[in-house]
Structure formats: structure tokens, C-alpha cells
């Protein structure tokens, strides 16, 4: 018999069973969570990367190339997909002079801003978290001027653009995504 003042004594076997009862569900939870994160990551990353086939370009770029005389070569026009979920996201860089930039401003009703608040200009997609390609780094250029479309400014659904233009380099950088 046990004295009234003595604390209960647990055996090593009882402690082991309690640890298993706590650790097993926790381990299962963490394994399932990791698997779900991997599946979601695969969905986001699927289809990302360089886009070299014109049929896979975003519609606004295809329309721009049809409307404006843009020479398409690997060096003058590069397209990269950074997100392929409900909100597809692309960046592209193309050679362009002030005349082409003026056409873009008029066609897309762009407004000049100091610098858009977006992770994309720090080198990372704000939607997927993937890095942008090395050739798309407009924030490293000194004479860069930024523009955004009205739907970006007002937070509306639909096509959104952030454009950066360097007159010195003759380069136009576009960040496009469709906000679903």
C-alpha cells in the first residue's frame, strides 16, 4: 500500500506509452502538412520558366507584338512565366524606344509612379515566391521610369501591368499578371 503523502510513481513503460500517444499524431500531422505543401508548390511552379513559343505568351504581349513592329529575337524580346495558377504572372523585357513606350502608355492607360510596391522589383515573384530571371532586373538601372495601369493602382480584378522604361538602354520591362 501506498502512503498518503507519496506522489504517484510512473513506470518507464507508462511514460513511453504517453510519449508515443503524443508523438505519433504530431508526426502524422507534420508529414501530411509537408505533403500538402509539396503538392501546392508543384501546382504553383508547374509551367513556370522561360517562354519561347509565341503561342504560350500572355495575350497582352501577343497583341502588342501584332500592333507594334517589334523585332522578335532571343536578345530583343524575352518572356518568363513566374506563376501559373489562377493568377498567371509573367515578366518580359524588350528593346523599345520612347515612341514604343508612348504607344504602351496610351494603349494601357499607364500612369507614372515613383516605384511600384512589389516584390517583383526586388527579384522575386510576389505570387509564387520564385526568383525572376537575371535579365529582368529593372531596379538596378539608374535612369529607370516606372508606370502602372489603373487596375493596379485601384486594386481591381483583371489585367495588371507594372512597366519600367530605360530610355538610355532602350529597354522596356513589363510585369504582367491577371488578378482573378
C-alpha atoms as a PDB file:
ATOM      1  CA  UNK A   1       0.000   0.000   0.000  1.00  0.00           C
ATOM      2  CA  UNK A   2       0.997   3.499  -0.729  1.00  0.00           C
ATOM      3  CA  UNK A   3       1.308   6.139   1.918  1.00  0.00           C
ATOM      4  CA  UNK A   4      -0.970   9.152   1.526  1.00  0.00           C
ATOM      5  CA  UNK A   5       1.841  11.691   1.147  1.00  0.00           C
ATOM      6  CA  UNK A   6       3.798   9.872  -1.552  1.00  0.00           C
ATOM      7  CA  UNK A   7       3.463  11.112  -5.164  1.00  0.00           C
ATOM      8  CA  UNK A   8       2.275   8.569  -7.729  1.00  0.00           C
ATOM      9  CA  UNK A   9       5.033   6.599  -9.365  1.00  0.00           C
ATOM     10  CA  UNK A  10       5.096   6.190 -13.118  1.00  0.00           C
ATOM     11  CA  UNK A  11       6.875   3.329 -14.618  1.00  0.00           C
ATOM     12  CA  UNK A  12       9.129   3.670 -17.609  1.00  0.00           C
ATOM     13  CA  UNK A  13       6.625   1.719 -19.700  1.00  0.00           C
ATOM     14  CA  UNK A  14       3.822   4.185 -18.861  1.00  0.00           C
ATOM     15  CA  UNK A  15       5.990   7.175 -19.826  1.00  0.00           C
ATOM     16  CA  UNK A  16       6.900   5.510 -23.108  1.00  0.00           C
ATOM     17  CA  UNK A  17       3.239   4.890 -23.963  1.00  0.00           C
ATOM     18  CA  UNK A  18       2.357   8.504 -23.190  1.00  0.00           C
ATOM     19  CA  UNK A  19       5.211   9.769 -25.395  1.00  0.00           C
ATOM     20  CA  UNK A  20       4.074   7.554 -28.280  1.00  0.00           C
ATOM     21  CA  UNK A  21       0.473   8.756 -27.895  1.00  0.00           C
ATOM     22  CA  UNK A  22       1.649  12.361 -28.206  1.00  0.00           C
ATOM     23  CA  UNK A  23       4.416  11.923 -30.801  1.00  0.00           C
ATOM     24  CA  UNK A  24       2.531   9.693 -33.238  1.00  0.00           C
ATOM     25  CA  UNK A  25      -0.322  12.105 -34.058  1.00  0.00           C
ATOM     26  CA  UNK A  26       2.120  15.011 -34.148  1.00  0.00           C
ATOM     27  CA  UNK A  27       4.373  13.135 -36.590  1.00  0.00           C
ATOM     28  CA  UNK A  28       1.433  12.187 -38.793  1.00  0.00           C
ATOM     29  CA  UNK A  29       0.207  15.795 -38.803  1.00  0.00           C
ATOM     30  CA  UNK A  30       3.637  17.117 -39.820  1.00  0.00           C
ATOM     31  CA  UNK A  31       4.027  14.501 -42.581  1.00  0.00           C
ATOM     32  CA  UNK A  32       0.587  15.305 -44.030  1.00  0.00           C
ATOM     33  CA  UNK A  33       1.274  19.045 -43.839  1.00  0.00           C
ATOM     34  CA  UNK A  34       4.582  18.621 -45.670  1.00  0.00           C
ATOM     35  CA  UNK A  35       2.919  16.523 -48.377  1.00  0.00           C
ATOM     36  CA  UNK A  36       0.159  19.113 -48.876  1.00  0.00           C
ATOM     37  CA  UNK A  37       2.746  21.911 -49.111  1.00  0.00           C
ATOM     38  CA  UNK A  38       4.689  19.948 -51.740  1.00  0.00           C
ATOM     39  CA  UNK A  39       1.546  19.353 -53.820  1.00  0.00           C
ATOM     40  CA  UNK A  40       0.579  23.032 -53.630  1.00  0.00           C
ATOM     41  CA  UNK A  41       4.130  24.081 -54.530  1.00  0.00           C
ATOM     42  CA  UNK A  42       4.073  21.755 -57.564  1.00  0.00           C
ATOM     43  CA  UNK A  43       0.807  23.333 -58.717  1.00  0.00           C
ATOM     44  CA  UNK A  44       2.268  26.845 -58.466  1.00  0.00           C
ATOM     45  CA  UNK A  45       5.605  26.014 -60.100  1.00  0.00           C
ATOM     46  CA  UNK A  46       4.222  23.859 -62.911  1.00  0.00           C
ATOM     47  CA  UNK A  47       4.600  25.630 -66.247  1.00  0.00           C
ATOM     48  CA  UNK A  48       6.934  28.344 -64.983  1.00  0.00           C
ATOM     49  CA  UNK A  49      10.168  29.297 -66.664  1.00  0.00           C
ATOM     50  CA  UNK A  50      11.246  30.775 -69.991  1.00  0.00           C
ATOM     51  CA  UNK A  51       8.517  31.021 -72.638  1.00  0.00           C
ATOM     52  CA  UNK A  52       9.997  30.768 -76.115  1.00  0.00           C
ATOM     53  CA  UNK A  53       6.913  29.694 -78.073  1.00  0.00           C
ATOM     54  CA  UNK A  54       4.757  32.644 -79.087  1.00  0.00           C
ATOM     55  CA  UNK A  55       1.515  30.688 -78.646  1.00  0.00           C
ATOM     56  CA  UNK A  56       2.283  30.417 -74.905  1.00  0.00           C
ATOM     57  CA  UNK A  57       2.836  34.141 -74.396  1.00  0.00           C
ATOM     58  CA  UNK A  58       0.295  36.124 -72.406  1.00  0.00           C
ATOM     59  CA  UNK A  59      -2.405  37.669 -74.582  1.00  0.00           C
ATOM     60  CA  UNK A  60      -1.356  41.324 -73.948  1.00  0.00           C
ATOM     61  CA  UNK A  61       2.159  40.620 -75.232  1.00  0.00           C
ATOM     62  CA  UNK A  62       0.852  38.831 -78.305  1.00  0.00           C
ATOM     63  CA  UNK A  63      -1.441  41.782 -79.063  1.00  0.00           C
ATOM     64  CA  UNK A  64       1.409  44.247 -78.537  1.00  0.00           C
ATOM     65  CA  UNK A  65       3.663  42.396 -80.979  1.00  0.00           C
ATOM     66  CA  UNK A  66       0.842  42.326 -83.543  1.00  0.00           C
ATOM     67  CA  UNK A  67       0.031  46.053 -83.106  1.00  0.00           C
ATOM     68  CA  UNK A  68       3.574  47.402 -82.917  1.00  0.00           C
ATOM     69  CA  UNK A  69       6.533  46.494 -85.099  1.00  0.00           C
ATOM     70  CA  UNK A  70       8.742  44.679 -82.592  1.00  0.00           C
ATOM     71  CA  UNK A  71      11.609  42.579 -83.851  1.00  0.00           C
ATOM     72  CA  UNK A  72      11.500  39.248 -82.071  1.00  0.00           C
ATOM     73  CA  UNK A  73      14.856  37.712 -81.324  1.00  0.00           C
ATOM     74  CA  UNK A  74      16.222  35.978 -78.253  1.00  0.00           C
ATOM     75  CA  UNK A  75      18.074  39.153 -77.293  1.00  0.00           C
ATOM     76  CA  UNK A  76      15.386  41.751 -78.033  1.00  0.00           C
ATOM     77  CA  UNK A  77      12.346  40.032 -76.503  1.00  0.00           C
ATOM     78  CA  UNK A  78      12.494  37.604 -73.580  1.00  0.00           C
ATOM     79  CA  UNK A  79       9.474  36.205 -71.742  1.00  0.00           C
ATOM     80  CA  UNK A  80       9.389  34.319 -68.444  1.00  0.00           C
ATOM     81  CA  UNK A  81       6.446  32.857 -66.515  1.00  0.00           C
ATOM     82  CA  UNK A  82       6.773  33.153 -62.728  1.00  0.00           C
ATOM     83  CA  UNK A  83       3.367  31.807 -61.681  1.00  0.00           C
ATOM     84  CA  UNK A  84       0.855  29.531 -63.403  1.00  0.00           C
ATOM     85  CA  UNK A  85      -2.092  29.261 -61.003  1.00  0.00           C
ATOM     86  CA  UNK A  86      -5.380  31.179 -61.025  1.00  0.00           C
ATOM     87  CA  UNK A  87      -3.373  34.408 -61.295  1.00  0.00           C
ATOM     88  CA  UNK A  88      -0.825  33.793 -64.071  1.00  0.00           C
ATOM     89  CA  UNK A  89       2.193  36.070 -63.807  1.00  0.00           C
ATOM     90  CA  UNK A  90       4.801  36.939 -66.437  1.00  0.00           C
ATOM     91  CA  UNK A  91       7.766  39.219 -66.824  1.00  0.00           C
ATOM     92  CA  UNK A  92       9.193  40.242 -70.152  1.00  0.00           C
ATOM     93  CA  UNK A  93      11.915  42.504 -71.428  1.00  0.00           C
ATOM     94  CA  UNK A  94      12.088  44.017 -74.876  1.00  0.00           C
ATOM     95  CA  UNK A  95      14.015  46.623 -76.747  1.00  0.00           C
ATOM     96  CA  UNK A  96      11.989  49.761 -77.209  1.00  0.00           C
ATOM     97  CA  UNK A  97      12.383  53.451 -77.818  1.00  0.00           C
ATOM     98  CA  UNK A  98      10.358  56.373 -76.491  1.00  0.00           C
ATOM     99  CA  UNK A  99       7.868  56.009 -79.369  1.00  0.00           C
ATOM    100  CA  UNK A 100       7.042  52.419 -78.430  1.00  0.00           C
ATOM    101  CA  UNK A 101       6.824  53.379 -74.760  1.00  0.00           C
ATOM    102  CA  UNK A 102       4.389  56.175 -75.664  1.00  0.00           C
ATOM    103  CA  UNK A 103       2.237  53.630 -77.532  1.00  0.00           C
ATOM    104  CA  UNK A 104       2.245  51.390 -74.443  1.00  0.00           C
ATOM    105  CA  UNK A 105       1.315  54.309 -72.187  1.00  0.00           C
ATOM    106  CA  UNK A 106      -1.593  55.253 -74.429  1.00  0.00           C
ATOM    107  CA  UNK A 107      -2.826  51.705 -75.123  1.00  0.00           C
ATOM    108  CA  UNK A 108      -2.747  50.586 -71.480  1.00  0.00           C
ATOM    109  CA  UNK A 109      -3.543  53.980 -69.910  1.00  0.00           C
ATOM    110  CA  UNK A 110      -0.363  53.822 -67.806  1.00  0.00           C
ATOM    111  CA  UNK A 111       0.405  56.290 -65.020  1.00  0.00           C
ATOM    112  CA  UNK A 112       3.939  57.201 -63.978  1.00  0.00           C
ATOM    113  CA  UNK A 113       4.820  56.331 -60.355  1.00  0.00           C
ATOM    114  CA  UNK A 114       7.974  56.577 -58.259  1.00  0.00           C
ATOM    115  CA  UNK A 115       8.362  52.802 -57.856  1.00  0.00           C
ATOM    116  CA  UNK A 116       5.659  50.160 -57.651  1.00  0.00           C
ATOM    117  CA  UNK A 117       5.381  48.359 -54.328  1.00  0.00           C
ATOM    118  CA  UNK A 118       6.009  44.827 -55.454  1.00  0.00           C
ATOM    119  CA  UNK A 119       8.431  42.056 -54.597  1.00  0.00           C
ATOM    120  CA  UNK A 120       8.970  41.541 -58.314  1.00  0.00           C
ATOM    121  CA  UNK A 121      11.289  44.562 -58.408  1.00  0.00           C
ATOM    122  CA  UNK A 122      13.434  43.048 -55.669  1.00  0.00           C
ATOM    123  CA  UNK A 123      13.918  39.904 -57.760  1.00  0.00           C
ATOM    124  CA  UNK A 124      11.136  37.645 -56.512  1.00  0.00           C
ATOM    125  CA  UNK A 125       7.603  36.879 -57.667  1.00  0.00           C
ATOM    126  CA  UNK A 126       5.027  38.166 -55.214  1.00  0.00           C
ATOM    127  CA  UNK A 127       2.657  35.338 -56.145  1.00  0.00           C
ATOM    128  CA  UNK A 128       4.823  32.206 -56.298  1.00  0.00           C
ATOM    129  CA  UNK A 129       7.960  33.360 -54.492  1.00  0.00           C
ATOM    130  CA  UNK A 130      10.100  32.179 -57.420  1.00  0.00           C
ATOM    131  CA  UNK A 131      13.056  34.325 -58.439  1.00  0.00           C
ATOM    132  CA  UNK A 132      12.868  36.361 -61.633  1.00  0.00           C
ATOM    133  CA  UNK A 133      15.490  35.691 -64.301  1.00  0.00           C
ATOM    134  CA  UNK A 134      18.789  37.581 -64.182  1.00  0.00           C
ATOM    135  CA  UNK A 135      17.922  39.552 -67.318  1.00  0.00           C
ATOM    136  CA  UNK A 136      14.853  41.096 -65.604  1.00  0.00           C
ATOM    137  CA  UNK A 137      16.297  43.489 -63.028  1.00  0.00           C
ATOM    138  CA  UNK A 138      14.995  46.994 -63.828  1.00  0.00           C
ATOM    139  CA  UNK A 139      15.572  48.298 -60.302  1.00  0.00           C
ATOM    140  CA  UNK A 140      19.339  48.066 -60.897  1.00  0.00           C
ATOM    141  CA  UNK A 141      19.179  50.651 -63.708  1.00  0.00           C
ATOM    142  CA  UNK A 142      19.741  54.298 -62.738  1.00  0.00           C
ATOM    143  CA  UNK A 143      17.563  56.115 -65.309  1.00  0.00           C
ATOM    144  CA  UNK A 144      14.525  53.824 -64.962  1.00  0.00           C
ATOM    145  CA  UNK A 145      10.994  55.277 -65.001  1.00  0.00           C
ATOM    146  CA  UNK A 146       8.064  53.239 -63.638  1.00  0.00           C
ATOM    147  CA  UNK A 147       4.454  53.092 -64.812  1.00  0.00           C
ATOM    148  CA  UNK A 148       1.385  51.158 -63.659  1.00  0.00           C
ATOM    149  CA  UNK A 149      -2.057  50.588 -65.122  1.00  0.00           C
ATOM    150  CA  UNK A 150      -5.296  51.815 -63.478  1.00  0.00           C
ATOM    151  CA  UNK A 151      -6.362  48.347 -62.301  1.00  0.00           C
ATOM    152  CA  UNK A 152      -3.066  48.022 -60.427  1.00  0.00           C
ATOM    153  CA  UNK A 153      -3.487  51.423 -58.795  1.00  0.00           C
ATOM    154  CA  UNK A 154      -7.094  50.748 -57.790  1.00  0.00           C
ATOM    155  CA  UNK A 155      -6.661  47.079 -56.841  1.00  0.00           C
ATOM    156  CA  UNK A 156      -9.222  45.861 -59.380  1.00  0.00           C
ATOM    157  CA  UNK A 157      -9.540  42.400 -60.886  1.00  0.00           C
ATOM    158  CA  UNK A 158      -8.292  41.718 -64.397  1.00  0.00           C
ATOM    159  CA  UNK A 159      -5.117  42.506 -66.318  1.00  0.00           C
ATOM    160  CA  UNK A 160      -2.474  44.306 -64.274  1.00  0.00           C
ATOM    161  CA  UNK A 161       0.724  45.874 -65.537  1.00  0.00           C
ATOM    162  CA  UNK A 162       3.808  47.360 -63.993  1.00  0.00           C
ATOM    163  CA  UNK A 163       6.186  48.758 -66.591  1.00  0.00           C
ATOM    164  CA  UNK A 164       9.708  50.082 -66.261  1.00  0.00           C
ATOM    165  CA  UNK A 165      11.404  52.014 -69.068  1.00  0.00           C
ATOM    166  CA  UNK A 166      15.046  52.949 -69.542  1.00  0.00           C
ATOM    167  CA  UNK A 167      15.490  55.477 -72.340  1.00  0.00           C
ATOM    168  CA  UNK A 168      19.282  55.251 -72.017  1.00  0.00           C
ATOM    169  CA  UNK A 169      19.327  51.470 -72.551  1.00  0.00           C
ATOM    170  CA  UNK A 170      16.294  51.491 -74.857  1.00  0.00           C
ATOM    171  CA  UNK A 171      14.681  48.710 -72.828  1.00  0.00           C
ATOM    172  CA  UNK A 172      11.133  48.143 -71.611  1.00  0.00           C
ATOM    173  CA  UNK A 173      10.480  45.798 -68.678  1.00  0.00           C
ATOM    174  CA  UNK A 174       6.938  44.569 -68.104  1.00  0.00           C
ATOM    175  CA  UNK A 175       5.481  42.751 -65.113  1.00  0.00           C
ATOM    176  CA  UNK A 176       2.061  41.389 -66.050  1.00  0.00           C
ATOM    177  CA  UNK A 177      -0.388  39.284 -64.111  1.00  0.00           C
ATOM    178  CA  UNK A 178      -4.055  38.529 -64.335  1.00  0.00           C
ATOM    179  CA  UNK A 179      -5.777  39.103 -60.999  1.00  0.00           C
ATOM    180  CA  UNK A 180      -8.564  36.517 -60.924  1.00  0.00           C
END
